[in-house]
Amino acid sequence: MDYYQIISNNFQDTIETIAVSVDPLAEPVGRACEIMVQALLGNHKIITCGNGVDGTLAQMFTCNLLSRFEHERPALPALALNSDGAGLTAIAQTGGINDIYSRQLRGLGQEGDVLLCINSTGEAANLLRAVQAAHERNMTVVALSCALDGEFATLLQQEDVEIRIDNLRRPRVVELYTMTIHCLCELIEHSIFGSYNQE
């Protein structure tokens, strides 16, 4: 079987999706960075969550802040709610799967913190409840959303930021989410530390 055409089509589709996304995404990504930087400089933290592949992206963002992105520098406070398997299953067993993030946020979230909520699959009740819980804790929400989201965007408040990928193919959405997360990490690192490098 000749895989070349499938590979070529996927690469071309990704290139085209990236090209048409720069202008609509630049402004919300910039605003999201400003919100996150303000929170971090104010001794607050960024809390992330997502389901499945989106959970992996949430952990990637958190890892880049706690460790480093491109330059050696002090750790930045961030945590991924989907990384504690024991905690997740305990909450799911007693309260249900829809409470796995909202319950954690009510316990860990503080006023001034930021929730980065990642959703590439459309409606997810546990993420909707996470946004509601974040607002209850007076947290700002940065939402990575897609064309399949409906109710998700209606929960966002004026001070929140939606970074929306209007593509119906989930692989393209996840690719753009990954690029967006890398952009956020670079912008945060540069905004707080500039050219700081201990090496």
N, C-alpha and C. Protein backbone atom coordinates (compact mmCIF):
# COMPACT_ATOMS: atom_id res chain seq x y z
N MET A 1 0.84 -1.19 0.00
CA MET A 1 0.00 0.00 0.00
C MET A 1 0.88 1.25 0.00
N ASP A 2 0.49 2.20 -0.81
CA ASP A 2 1.23 3.46 -0.90
C ASP A 2 0.62 4.46 0.09
N TYR A 3 1.37 4.78 1.13
CA TYR A 3 0.89 5.70 2.16
C TYR A 3 1.16 7.16 1.83
N TYR A 4 1.91 7.39 0.77
CA TYR A 4 2.37 8.76 0.50
C TYR A 4 1.23 9.76 0.40
N GLN A 5 0.16 9.39 -0.30
CA GLN A 5 -0.92 10.35 -0.51
C GLN A 5 -1.61 10.71 0.80
N ILE A 6 -1.81 9.71 1.67
CA ILE A 6 -2.42 9.98 2.97
C ILE A 6 -1.52 10.91 3.79
N ILE A 7 -0.22 10.58 3.80
CA ILE A 7 0.73 11.41 4.54
C ILE A 7 0.75 12.83 3.98
N SER A 8 0.83 12.94 2.67
CA SER A 8 0.87 14.25 2.01
C SER A 8 -0.39 15.07 2.32
N ASN A 9 -1.55 14.42 2.25
CA ASN A 9 -2.81 15.13 2.53
C ASN A 9 -2.86 15.64 3.96
N ASN A 10 -2.40 14.80 4.90
CA ASN A 10 -2.40 15.22 6.30
C ASN A 10 -1.47 16.40 6.54
N PHE A 11 -0.27 16.33 5.98
CA PHE A 11 0.67 17.43 6.15
C PHE A 11 0.12 18.71 5.51
N GLN A 12 -0.45 18.58 4.33
CA GLN A 12 -0.97 19.75 3.64
C GLN A 12 -2.15 20.35 4.41
N ASP A 13 -3.00 19.48 4.93
CA ASP A 13 -4.15 19.95 5.71
C ASP A 13 -3.69 20.69 6.96
N THR A 14 -2.66 20.19 7.61
CA THR A 14 -2.11 20.85 8.80
C THR A 14 -1.54 22.21 8.45
N ILE A 15 -0.78 22.27 7.37
CA ILE A 15 -0.19 23.53 6.94
C ILE A 15 -1.27 24.57 6.65
N GLU A 16 -2.32 24.16 5.95
CA GLU A 16 -3.40 25.09 5.62
C GLU A 16 -4.15 25.54 6.86
N THR A 17 -4.38 24.61 7.79
CA THR A 17 -5.07 24.96 9.04
C THR A 17 -4.27 25.96 9.85
N ILE A 18 -2.97 25.76 9.93
CA ILE A 18 -2.10 26.70 10.65
C ILE A 18 -2.15 28.07 9.99
N ALA A 19 -2.05 28.09 8.66
CA ALA A 19 -1.99 29.36 7.93
C ALA A 19 -3.23 30.22 8.16
N VAL A 20 -4.40 29.59 8.17
CA VAL A 20 -5.63 30.38 8.32
C VAL A 20 -5.95 30.67 9.78
N SER A 21 -5.18 30.13 10.70
CA SER A 21 -5.46 30.30 12.13
C SER A 21 -4.66 31.41 12.79
N VAL A 22 -3.61 31.86 12.16
CA VAL A 22 -2.73 32.85 12.79
C VAL A 22 -3.48 34.11 13.18
N ASP A 23 -4.18 34.72 12.25
CA ASP A 23 -4.86 36.00 12.52
C ASP A 23 -5.96 35.88 13.58
N PRO A 24 -6.86 34.89 13.47
CA PRO A 24 -7.91 34.82 14.50
C PRO A 24 -7.40 34.40 15.88
N LEU A 25 -6.26 33.74 15.97
CA LEU A 25 -5.77 33.26 17.26
C LEU A 25 -4.78 34.20 17.94
N ALA A 26 -4.14 35.07 17.19
CA ALA A 26 -3.09 35.91 17.77
C ALA A 26 -3.59 36.76 18.94
N GLU A 27 -4.75 37.39 18.78
CA GLU A 27 -5.26 38.27 19.83
C GLU A 27 -5.66 37.51 21.10
N PRO A 28 -6.47 36.43 21.00
CA PRO A 28 -6.80 35.71 22.23
C PRO A 28 -5.62 35.02 22.90
N VAL A 29 -4.65 34.54 22.13
CA VAL A 29 -3.46 33.94 22.73
C VAL A 29 -2.67 35.00 23.49
N GLY A 30 -2.56 36.18 22.91
CA GLY A 30 -1.87 37.27 23.59
C GLY A 30 -2.57 37.66 24.89
N ARG A 31 -3.90 37.76 24.85
CA ARG A 31 -4.65 38.10 26.07
C ARG A 31 -4.51 37.01 27.12
N ALA A 32 -4.56 35.75 26.69
CA ALA A 32 -4.40 34.65 27.63
C ALA A 32 -3.05 34.72 28.31
N CYS A 33 -2.01 35.03 27.56
CA CYS A 33 -0.67 35.16 28.12
C CYS A 33 -0.65 36.26 29.17
N GLU A 34 -1.24 37.41 28.87
CA GLU A 34 -1.25 38.53 29.82
C GLU A 34 -1.94 38.14 31.12
N ILE A 35 -3.05 37.43 31.02
CA ILE A 35 -3.78 36.99 32.21
C ILE A 35 -2.94 36.03 33.04
N MET A 36 -2.28 35.09 32.37
CA MET A 36 -1.46 34.11 33.08
C MET A 36 -0.25 34.77 33.72
N VAL A 37 0.40 35.67 33.01
CA VAL A 37 1.57 36.36 33.55
C VAL A 37 1.19 37.19 34.77
N GLN A 38 0.07 37.90 34.67
CA GLN A 38 -0.40 38.70 35.80
C GLN A 38 -0.66 37.82 37.03
N ALA A 39 -1.27 36.66 36.80
CA ALA A 39 -1.53 35.73 37.91
C ALA A 39 -0.23 35.23 38.51
N LEU A 40 0.70 34.81 37.69
CA LEU A 40 1.97 34.27 38.19
C LEU A 40 2.77 35.33 38.93
N LEU A 41 2.79 36.54 38.42
CA LEU A 41 3.51 37.62 39.10
C LEU A 41 2.84 38.01 40.41
N GLY A 42 1.55 37.69 40.53
CA GLY A 42 0.81 37.96 41.75
C GLY A 42 0.83 36.79 42.73
N ASN A 43 1.76 35.86 42.53
CA ASN A 43 1.90 34.68 43.40
C ASN A 43 0.69 33.76 43.36
N HIS A 44 0.04 33.70 42.20
CA HIS A 44 -1.05 32.76 41.99
C HIS A 44 -0.55 31.64 41.08
N LYS A 45 -1.41 30.68 40.82
CA LYS A 45 -1.00 29.51 40.03
C LYS A 45 -1.95 29.30 38.85
N ILE A 46 -1.51 28.47 37.94
CA ILE A 46 -2.33 28.08 36.80
C ILE A 46 -2.69 26.61 36.98
N ILE A 47 -3.98 26.33 36.95
CA ILE A 47 -4.50 24.98 37.10
C ILE A 47 -5.06 24.54 35.75
N THR A 48 -4.73 23.33 35.32
CA THR A 48 -5.16 22.87 34.01
C THR A 48 -6.00 21.61 34.13
N CYS A 49 -6.84 21.39 33.12
CA CYS A 49 -7.59 20.13 33.05
C CYS A 49 -8.03 19.85 31.63
N GLY A 50 -8.28 18.58 31.35
CA GLY A 50 -8.75 18.13 30.05
C GLY A 50 -8.96 16.62 30.11
N ASN A 51 -9.70 16.09 29.16
CA ASN A 51 -10.01 14.66 29.12
C ASN A 51 -9.21 13.98 28.02
N GLY A 52 -8.71 12.78 28.32
CA GLY A 52 -8.01 12.01 27.28
C GLY A 52 -6.79 12.74 26.76
N VAL A 53 -6.72 12.89 25.44
CA VAL A 53 -5.60 13.58 24.80
C VAL A 53 -5.47 15.00 25.34
N ASP A 54 -6.60 15.64 25.61
CA ASP A 54 -6.57 17.00 26.14
C ASP A 54 -5.93 17.03 27.53
N GLY A 55 -6.11 15.96 28.29
CA GLY A 55 -5.44 15.85 29.57
C GLY A 55 -3.93 15.79 29.42
N THR A 56 -3.48 15.11 28.37
CA THR A 56 -2.05 15.05 28.09
C THR A 56 -1.52 16.44 27.76
N LEU A 57 -2.28 17.21 27.00
CA LEU A 57 -1.87 18.59 26.69
C LEU A 57 -1.83 19.44 27.95
N ALA A 58 -2.80 19.23 28.84
CA ALA A 58 -2.82 19.96 30.11
C ALA A 58 -1.55 19.66 30.91
N GLN A 59 -1.15 18.39 30.93
CA GLN A 59 0.07 18.00 31.64
C GLN A 59 1.31 18.57 30.95
N MET A 60 1.31 18.63 29.64
CA MET A 60 2.45 19.18 28.92
C MET A 60 2.64 20.65 29.28
N PHE A 61 1.54 21.40 29.33
CA PHE A 61 1.63 22.81 29.71
C PHE A 61 2.20 22.94 31.12
N THR A 62 1.66 22.14 32.04
CA THR A 62 2.11 22.19 33.43
C THR A 62 3.59 21.83 33.55
N CYS A 63 4.00 20.79 32.85
CA CYS A 63 5.42 20.39 32.88
C CYS A 63 6.32 21.52 32.40
N ASN A 64 5.91 22.20 31.34
CA ASN A 64 6.72 23.29 30.79
C ASN A 64 6.85 24.46 31.75
N LEU A 65 5.83 24.68 32.60
CA LEU A 65 5.92 25.77 33.57
C LEU A 65 6.72 25.36 34.80
N LEU A 66 6.48 24.14 35.29
CA LEU A 66 7.20 23.69 36.48
C LEU A 66 8.68 23.45 36.20
N SER A 67 9.00 22.94 35.03
CA SER A 67 10.39 22.65 34.68
C SER A 67 10.99 23.83 33.92
N ARG A 68 10.86 23.80 32.63
CA ARG A 68 11.36 24.86 31.76
C ARG A 68 10.76 24.64 30.39
N PHE A 69 10.76 25.69 29.59
CA PHE A 69 10.33 25.54 28.20
C PHE A 69 11.56 25.55 27.31
N GLU A 70 12.17 26.72 27.14
CA GLU A 70 13.38 26.79 26.32
C GLU A 70 14.60 27.25 27.12
N HIS A 71 14.38 27.91 28.24
CA HIS A 71 15.50 28.47 29.00
C HIS A 71 15.46 27.99 30.45
N GLU A 72 16.62 27.87 31.02
CA GLU A 72 16.72 27.56 32.44
C GLU A 72 16.25 28.76 33.24
N ARG A 73 15.31 28.54 34.18
CA ARG A 73 14.77 29.63 35.00
C ARG A 73 14.01 29.01 36.17
N PRO A 74 13.62 29.82 37.15
CA PRO A 74 12.88 29.27 38.30
C PRO A 74 11.56 28.63 37.88
N ALA A 75 11.10 27.70 38.69
CA ALA A 75 9.83 27.01 38.42
C ALA A 75 8.66 27.98 38.57
N LEU A 76 7.63 27.76 37.79
CA LEU A 76 6.40 28.54 37.87
C LEU A 76 5.28 27.63 38.38
N PRO A 77 4.41 28.12 39.27
CA PRO A 77 3.41 27.26 39.91
C PRO A 77 2.27 26.87 38.98
N ALA A 78 2.13 25.58 38.74
CA ALA A 78 1.07 25.06 37.88
C ALA A 78 0.78 23.62 38.27
N LEU A 79 -0.46 23.20 38.10
CA LEU A 79 -0.79 21.81 38.35
C LEU A 79 -1.89 21.35 37.42
N ALA A 80 -1.85 20.07 37.06
CA ALA A 80 -2.84 19.45 36.17
C ALA A 80 -3.76 18.58 37.01
N LEU A 81 -5.05 18.89 36.99
CA LEU A 81 -6.01 18.16 37.81
C LEU A 81 -6.20 16.72 37.36
N ASN A 82 -5.85 16.41 36.12
CA ASN A 82 -6.06 15.06 35.61
C ASN A 82 -4.87 14.13 35.86
N SER A 83 -3.86 14.59 36.59
CA SER A 83 -2.65 13.78 36.75
C SER A 83 -2.65 12.92 38.00
N ASP A 84 -3.62 13.11 38.89
CA ASP A 84 -3.69 12.33 40.13
C ASP A 84 -4.72 11.22 39.98
N GLY A 85 -4.27 10.04 39.57
CA GLY A 85 -5.18 8.93 39.31
C GLY A 85 -5.98 8.52 40.53
N ALA A 86 -5.34 8.47 41.69
CA ALA A 86 -6.05 8.06 42.91
C ALA A 86 -7.13 9.07 43.28
N GLY A 87 -6.79 10.34 43.20
CA GLY A 87 -7.77 11.38 43.52
C GLY A 87 -8.95 11.38 42.55
N LEU A 88 -8.64 11.21 41.28
CA LEU A 88 -9.70 11.20 40.26
C LEU A 88 -10.67 10.05 40.48
N THR A 89 -10.12 8.86 40.73
CA THR A 89 -11.00 7.70 40.89
C THR A 89 -11.78 7.76 42.20
N ALA A 90 -11.18 8.35 43.24
CA ALA A 90 -11.89 8.50 44.51
C ALA A 90 -13.10 9.42 44.33
N ILE A 91 -12.89 10.54 43.65
CA ILE A 91 -13.99 11.49 43.42
C ILE A 91 -15.04 10.86 42.51
N ALA A 92 -14.59 10.19 41.45
CA ALA A 92 -15.53 9.56 40.52
C ALA A 92 -16.37 8.49 41.21
N GLN A 93 -15.76 7.75 42.12
CA GLN A 93 -16.47 6.67 42.81
C GLN A 93 -17.55 7.21 43.74
N THR A 94 -17.27 8.32 44.40
CA THR A 94 -18.23 8.83 45.39
C THR A 94 -19.16 9.90 44.83
N GLY A 95 -18.65 10.72 43.92
CA GLY A 95 -19.46 11.83 43.42
C GLY A 95 -19.83 11.74 41.96
N GLY A 96 -19.13 10.90 41.21
CA GLY A 96 -19.40 10.77 39.79
C GLY A 96 -18.34 11.43 38.94
N ILE A 97 -18.22 10.95 37.72
CA ILE A 97 -17.18 11.42 36.79
C ILE A 97 -17.31 12.91 36.49
N ASN A 98 -18.52 13.45 36.56
CA ASN A 98 -18.71 14.85 36.21
C ASN A 98 -18.14 15.81 37.26
N ASP A 99 -17.78 15.30 38.44
CA ASP A 99 -17.26 16.15 39.50
C ASP A 99 -15.75 16.05 39.68
N ILE A 100 -15.05 15.30 38.81
CA ILE A 100 -13.64 15.02 39.06
C ILE A 100 -12.77 16.29 39.05
N TYR A 101 -13.17 17.29 38.30
CA TYR A 101 -12.39 18.53 38.26
C TYR A 101 -12.99 19.61 39.16
N SER A 102 -14.30 19.74 39.16
CA SER A 102 -14.93 20.80 39.95
C SER A 102 -14.65 20.63 41.43
N ARG A 103 -14.66 19.40 41.91
CA ARG A 103 -14.40 19.17 43.33
C ARG A 103 -12.97 19.55 43.70
N GLN A 104 -12.04 19.19 42.84
CA GLN A 104 -10.64 19.57 43.07
C GLN A 104 -10.47 21.09 43.07
N LEU A 105 -11.14 21.74 42.14
CA LEU A 105 -11.03 23.20 42.06
C LEU A 105 -11.58 23.88 43.30
N ARG A 106 -12.65 23.33 43.83
CA ARG A 106 -13.21 23.93 45.05
C ARG A 106 -12.26 23.75 46.24
N GLY A 107 -11.41 22.72 46.18
CA GLY A 107 -10.46 22.50 47.25
C GLY A 107 -9.12 23.18 47.03
N LEU A 108 -8.70 23.30 45.77
CA LEU A 108 -7.36 23.80 45.47
C LEU A 108 -7.34 25.19 44.85
N GLY A 109 -8.40 25.57 44.16
CA GLY A 109 -8.42 26.85 43.48
C GLY A 109 -8.58 28.01 44.45
N GLN A 110 -7.88 29.11 44.16
CA GLN A 110 -7.97 30.31 44.98
C GLN A 110 -8.23 31.51 44.09
N GLU A 111 -8.80 32.53 44.68
CA GLU A 111 -9.05 33.77 43.94
C GLU A 111 -7.74 34.28 43.35
N GLY A 112 -7.77 34.60 42.07
CA GLY A 112 -6.57 35.06 41.38
C GLY A 112 -5.88 33.99 40.57
N ASP A 113 -6.20 32.72 40.84
CA ASP A 113 -5.65 31.64 40.02
C ASP A 113 -6.30 31.64 38.64
N VAL A 114 -5.69 30.94 37.72
CA VAL A 114 -6.22 30.82 36.35
C VAL A 114 -6.47 29.35 36.05
N LEU A 115 -7.63 29.06 35.46
CA LEU A 115 -7.92 27.71 34.98
C LEU A 115 -7.71 27.66 33.47
N LEU A 116 -6.83 26.76 33.02
CA LEU A 116 -6.68 26.47 31.59
C LEU A 116 -7.46 25.19 31.32
N CYS A 117 -8.58 25.33 30.63
CA CYS A 117 -9.49 24.22 30.37
C CYS A 117 -9.40 23.85 28.89
N ILE A 118 -9.07 22.60 28.60
CA ILE A 118 -8.80 22.17 27.22
C ILE A 118 -9.85 21.16 26.80
N ASN A 119 -10.53 21.44 25.68
CA ASN A 119 -11.62 20.57 25.23
C ASN A 119 -11.63 20.48 23.70
N SER A 120 -11.29 19.32 23.18
CA SER A 120 -11.29 19.12 21.72
C SER A 120 -12.38 18.17 21.26
N THR A 121 -13.29 17.76 22.15
CA THR A 121 -14.26 16.72 21.81
C THR A 121 -15.70 17.19 21.85
N GLY A 122 -15.95 18.47 22.02
CA GLY A 122 -17.33 18.92 22.16
C GLY A 122 -17.74 18.95 23.62
N GLU A 123 -19.02 18.75 23.87
CA GLU A 123 -19.52 18.89 25.23
C GLU A 123 -18.96 17.82 26.17
N ALA A 124 -18.48 18.26 27.32
CA ALA A 124 -17.98 17.37 28.37
C ALA A 124 -18.45 17.96 29.69
N ALA A 125 -19.36 17.27 30.35
CA ALA A 125 -19.99 17.81 31.55
C ALA A 125 -18.97 18.12 32.64
N ASN A 126 -17.91 17.29 32.75
CA ASN A 126 -16.94 17.55 33.81
C ASN A 126 -16.16 18.84 33.57
N LEU A 127 -15.95 19.21 32.30
CA LEU A 127 -15.27 20.46 32.00
C LEU A 127 -16.20 21.66 32.19
N LEU A 128 -17.47 21.49 31.86
CA LEU A 128 -18.44 22.56 32.11
C LEU A 128 -18.51 22.86 33.60
N ARG A 129 -18.54 21.83 34.41
CA ARG A 129 -18.58 22.02 35.86
C ARG A 129 -17.28 22.62 36.38
N ALA A 130 -16.18 22.30 35.73
CA ALA A 130 -14.90 22.88 36.13
C ALA A 130 -14.91 24.39 35.93
N VAL A 131 -15.44 24.84 34.80
CA VAL A 131 -15.53 26.28 34.53
C VAL A 131 -16.41 26.95 35.58
N GLN A 132 -17.54 26.34 35.90
CA GLN A 132 -18.44 26.90 36.90
C GLN A 132 -17.75 26.98 38.26
N ALA A 133 -17.03 25.93 38.63
CA ALA A 133 -16.33 25.92 39.92
C ALA A 133 -15.23 26.98 39.97
N ALA A 134 -14.54 27.15 38.85
CA ALA A 134 -13.50 28.19 38.79
C ALA A 134 -14.10 29.56 39.04
N HIS A 135 -15.25 29.83 38.43
CA HIS A 135 -15.90 31.12 38.64
C HIS A 135 -16.35 31.28 40.09
N GLU A 136 -16.81 30.20 40.70
CA GLU A 136 -17.19 30.27 42.11
C GLU A 136 -16.00 30.65 42.98
N ARG A 137 -14.80 30.27 42.57
CA ARG A 137 -13.58 30.57 43.33
C ARG A 137 -12.94 31.88 42.86
N ASN A 138 -13.65 32.64 42.02
CA ASN A 138 -13.14 33.92 41.49
C ASN A 138 -11.83 33.73 40.71
N MET A 139 -11.79 32.66 39.93
CA MET A 139 -10.67 32.41 39.05
C MET A 139 -11.03 32.85 37.64
N THR A 140 -10.02 33.24 36.88
CA THR A 140 -10.20 33.53 35.46
C THR A 140 -10.01 32.24 34.67
N VAL A 141 -10.75 32.10 33.58
CA VAL A 141 -10.69 30.89 32.77
C VAL A 141 -10.12 31.20 31.39
N VAL A 142 -9.16 30.41 30.97
CA VAL A 142 -8.68 30.40 29.59
C VAL A 142 -9.13 29.07 29.00
N ALA A 143 -9.95 29.13 27.96
CA ALA A 143 -10.53 27.91 27.39
C ALA A 143 -9.99 27.67 25.98
N LEU A 144 -9.42 26.50 25.78
CA LEU A 144 -9.10 26.04 24.43
C LEU A 144 -10.31 25.25 23.96
N SER A 145 -11.02 25.78 22.98
CA SER A 145 -12.27 25.16 22.54
C SER A 145 -12.24 24.91 21.04
N CYS A 146 -13.27 24.18 20.56
CA CYS A 146 -13.30 23.83 19.14
C CYS A 146 -14.70 24.05 18.57
N ALA A 147 -14.84 23.76 17.29
CA ALA A 147 -16.10 24.00 16.60
C ALA A 147 -17.23 23.13 17.13
N LEU A 148 -16.91 22.06 17.83
CA LEU A 148 -17.94 21.17 18.37
C LEU A 148 -18.53 21.68 19.68
N ASP A 149 -17.89 22.69 20.29
CA ASP A 149 -18.37 23.23 21.56
C ASP A 149 -19.59 24.10 21.35
N GLY A 150 -20.58 23.94 22.19
CA GLY A 150 -21.76 24.80 22.16
C GLY A 150 -21.92 25.52 23.47
N GLU A 151 -22.34 24.79 24.50
CA GLU A 151 -22.58 25.37 25.81
C GLU A 151 -21.31 25.87 26.48
N PHE A 152 -20.20 25.25 26.16
CA PHE A 152 -18.93 25.59 26.79
C PHE A 152 -18.65 27.09 26.74
N ALA A 153 -18.77 27.67 25.56
CA ALA A 153 -18.45 29.09 25.38
C ALA A 153 -19.43 29.99 26.11
N THR A 154 -20.68 29.55 26.28
CA THR A 154 -21.68 30.40 26.93
C THR A 154 -21.41 30.57 28.42
N LEU A 155 -20.60 29.71 29.01
CA LEU A 155 -20.28 29.81 30.43
C LEU A 155 -19.18 30.83 30.71
N LEU A 156 -18.46 31.23 29.69
CA LEU A 156 -17.33 32.12 29.89
C LEU A 156 -17.80 33.54 30.21
N GLN A 157 -17.05 34.20 31.09
CA GLN A 157 -17.37 35.56 31.50
C GLN A 157 -16.50 36.55 30.74
N GLN A 158 -16.79 37.83 30.93
CA GLN A 158 -16.12 38.87 30.14
C GLN A 158 -14.60 38.84 30.32
N GLU A 159 -14.14 38.55 31.54
CA GLU A 159 -12.70 38.56 31.80
C GLU A 159 -12.01 37.28 31.34
N ASP A 160 -12.78 36.26 30.96
CA ASP A 160 -12.21 35.00 30.48
C ASP A 160 -11.75 35.15 29.03
N VAL A 161 -10.98 34.17 28.58
CA VAL A 161 -10.50 34.17 27.19
C VAL A 161 -10.82 32.82 26.55
N GLU A 162 -11.42 32.87 25.38
CA GLU A 162 -11.65 31.64 24.60
C GLU A 162 -10.70 31.64 23.41
N ILE A 163 -9.91 30.60 23.32
CA ILE A 163 -9.04 30.37 22.15
C ILE A 163 -9.69 29.26 21.36
N ARG A 164 -10.37 29.63 20.32
CA ARG A 164 -11.24 28.69 19.61
C ARG A 164 -10.64 28.27 18.27
N ILE A 165 -10.57 26.96 18.06
CA ILE A 165 -10.09 26.40 16.80
C ILE A 165 -11.32 25.94 16.02
N ASP A 166 -11.66 26.65 14.97
CA ASP A 166 -12.85 26.33 14.19
C ASP A 166 -12.53 25.32 13.10
N ASN A 167 -12.28 24.10 13.51
CA ASN A 167 -12.01 23.02 12.58
C ASN A 167 -12.74 21.79 13.08
N LEU A 168 -13.34 21.02 12.19
CA LEU A 168 -14.13 19.87 12.61
C LEU A 168 -13.31 18.58 12.74
N ARG A 169 -12.06 18.60 12.29
CA ARG A 169 -11.21 17.42 12.40
C ARG A 169 -10.40 17.49 13.68
N ARG A 170 -10.63 16.54 14.56
CA ARG A 170 -9.96 16.58 15.86
C ARG A 170 -8.43 16.57 15.76
N PRO A 171 -7.83 15.79 14.84
CA PRO A 171 -6.37 15.84 14.75
C PRO A 171 -5.84 17.25 14.50
N ARG A 172 -6.53 18.02 13.64
CA ARG A 172 -6.08 19.39 13.38
C ARG A 172 -6.26 20.26 14.62
N VAL A 173 -7.35 20.05 15.34
CA VAL A 173 -7.60 20.82 16.56
C VAL A 173 -6.50 20.56 17.58
N VAL A 174 -6.17 19.29 17.79
CA VAL A 174 -5.14 18.93 18.77
C VAL A 174 -3.78 19.49 18.35
N GLU A 175 -3.48 19.47 17.05
CA GLU A 175 -2.23 20.04 16.56
C GLU A 175 -2.17 21.54 16.87
N LEU A 176 -3.26 22.25 16.64
CA LEU A 176 -3.29 23.69 16.90
C LEU A 176 -3.25 23.98 18.40
N TYR A 177 -3.90 23.13 19.19
CA TYR A 177 -3.81 23.28 20.65
C TYR A 177 -2.35 23.16 21.10
N THR A 178 -1.64 22.18 20.54
CA THR A 178 -0.24 21.98 20.91
C THR A 178 0.59 23.21 20.57
N MET A 179 0.39 23.76 19.39
CA MET A 179 1.10 24.97 19.00
C MET A 179 0.74 26.14 19.90
N THR A 180 -0.55 26.24 20.24
CA THR A 180 -1.00 27.32 21.12
C THR A 180 -0.36 27.22 22.49
N ILE A 181 -0.30 26.00 23.03
CA ILE A 181 0.32 25.80 24.34
C ILE A 181 1.80 26.16 24.29
N HIS A 182 2.48 25.77 23.22
CA HIS A 182 3.89 26.14 23.08
C HIS A 182 4.05 27.65 23.00
N CYS A 183 3.17 28.32 22.28
CA CYS A 183 3.21 29.78 22.20
C CYS A 183 3.02 30.40 23.57
N LEU A 184 2.03 29.91 24.33
CA LEU A 184 1.78 30.43 25.67
C LEU A 184 3.00 30.25 26.56
N CYS A 185 3.60 29.08 26.52
CA CYS A 185 4.78 28.81 27.34
C CYS A 185 5.93 29.76 26.98
N GLU A 186 6.15 29.97 25.70
CA GLU A 186 7.23 30.87 25.27
C GLU A 186 6.94 32.30 25.68
N LEU A 187 5.70 32.75 25.48
CA LEU A 187 5.33 34.12 25.82
C LEU A 187 5.42 34.36 27.33
N ILE A 188 4.97 33.39 28.11
CA ILE A 188 5.04 33.51 29.57
C ILE A 188 6.50 33.59 30.02
N GLU A 189 7.31 32.68 29.51
CA GLU A 189 8.72 32.65 29.88
C GLU A 189 9.41 33.97 29.52
N HIS A 190 9.14 34.46 28.33
CA HIS A 190 9.76 35.71 27.88
C HIS A 190 9.25 36.90 28.67
N SER A 191 7.94 36.94 28.95
CA SER A 191 7.35 38.08 29.66
C SER A 191 7.87 38.19 31.08
N ILE A 192 8.07 37.06 31.74
CA ILE A 192 8.50 37.08 33.14
C ILE A 192 10.03 37.16 33.27
N PHE A 193 10.74 36.43 32.43
CA PHE A 193 12.19 36.33 32.59
C PHE A 193 12.99 37.00 31.50
N GLY A 194 12.37 37.43 30.43
CA GLY A 194 13.10 38.05 29.34
C GLY A 194 14.11 37.08 28.77
N SER A 195 15.36 37.53 28.69
CA SER A 195 16.43 36.67 28.15
C SER A 195 17.15 35.93 29.27
N TYR A 196 16.49 35.83 30.43
CA TYR A 196 17.09 35.15 31.61
C TYR A 196 17.56 33.75 31.23
N ASN A 197 18.80 33.46 31.58
CA ASN A 197 19.36 32.14 31.33
C ASN A 197 20.57 31.96 32.22
N GLN A 198 20.53 30.94 33.08
CA GLN A 198 21.64 30.71 33.98
C GLN A 198 22.80 30.01 33.31
N GLU A 199 22.57 29.45 32.15
CA GLU A 199 23.65 28.71 31.49
C GLU A 199 24.66 29.66 30.86
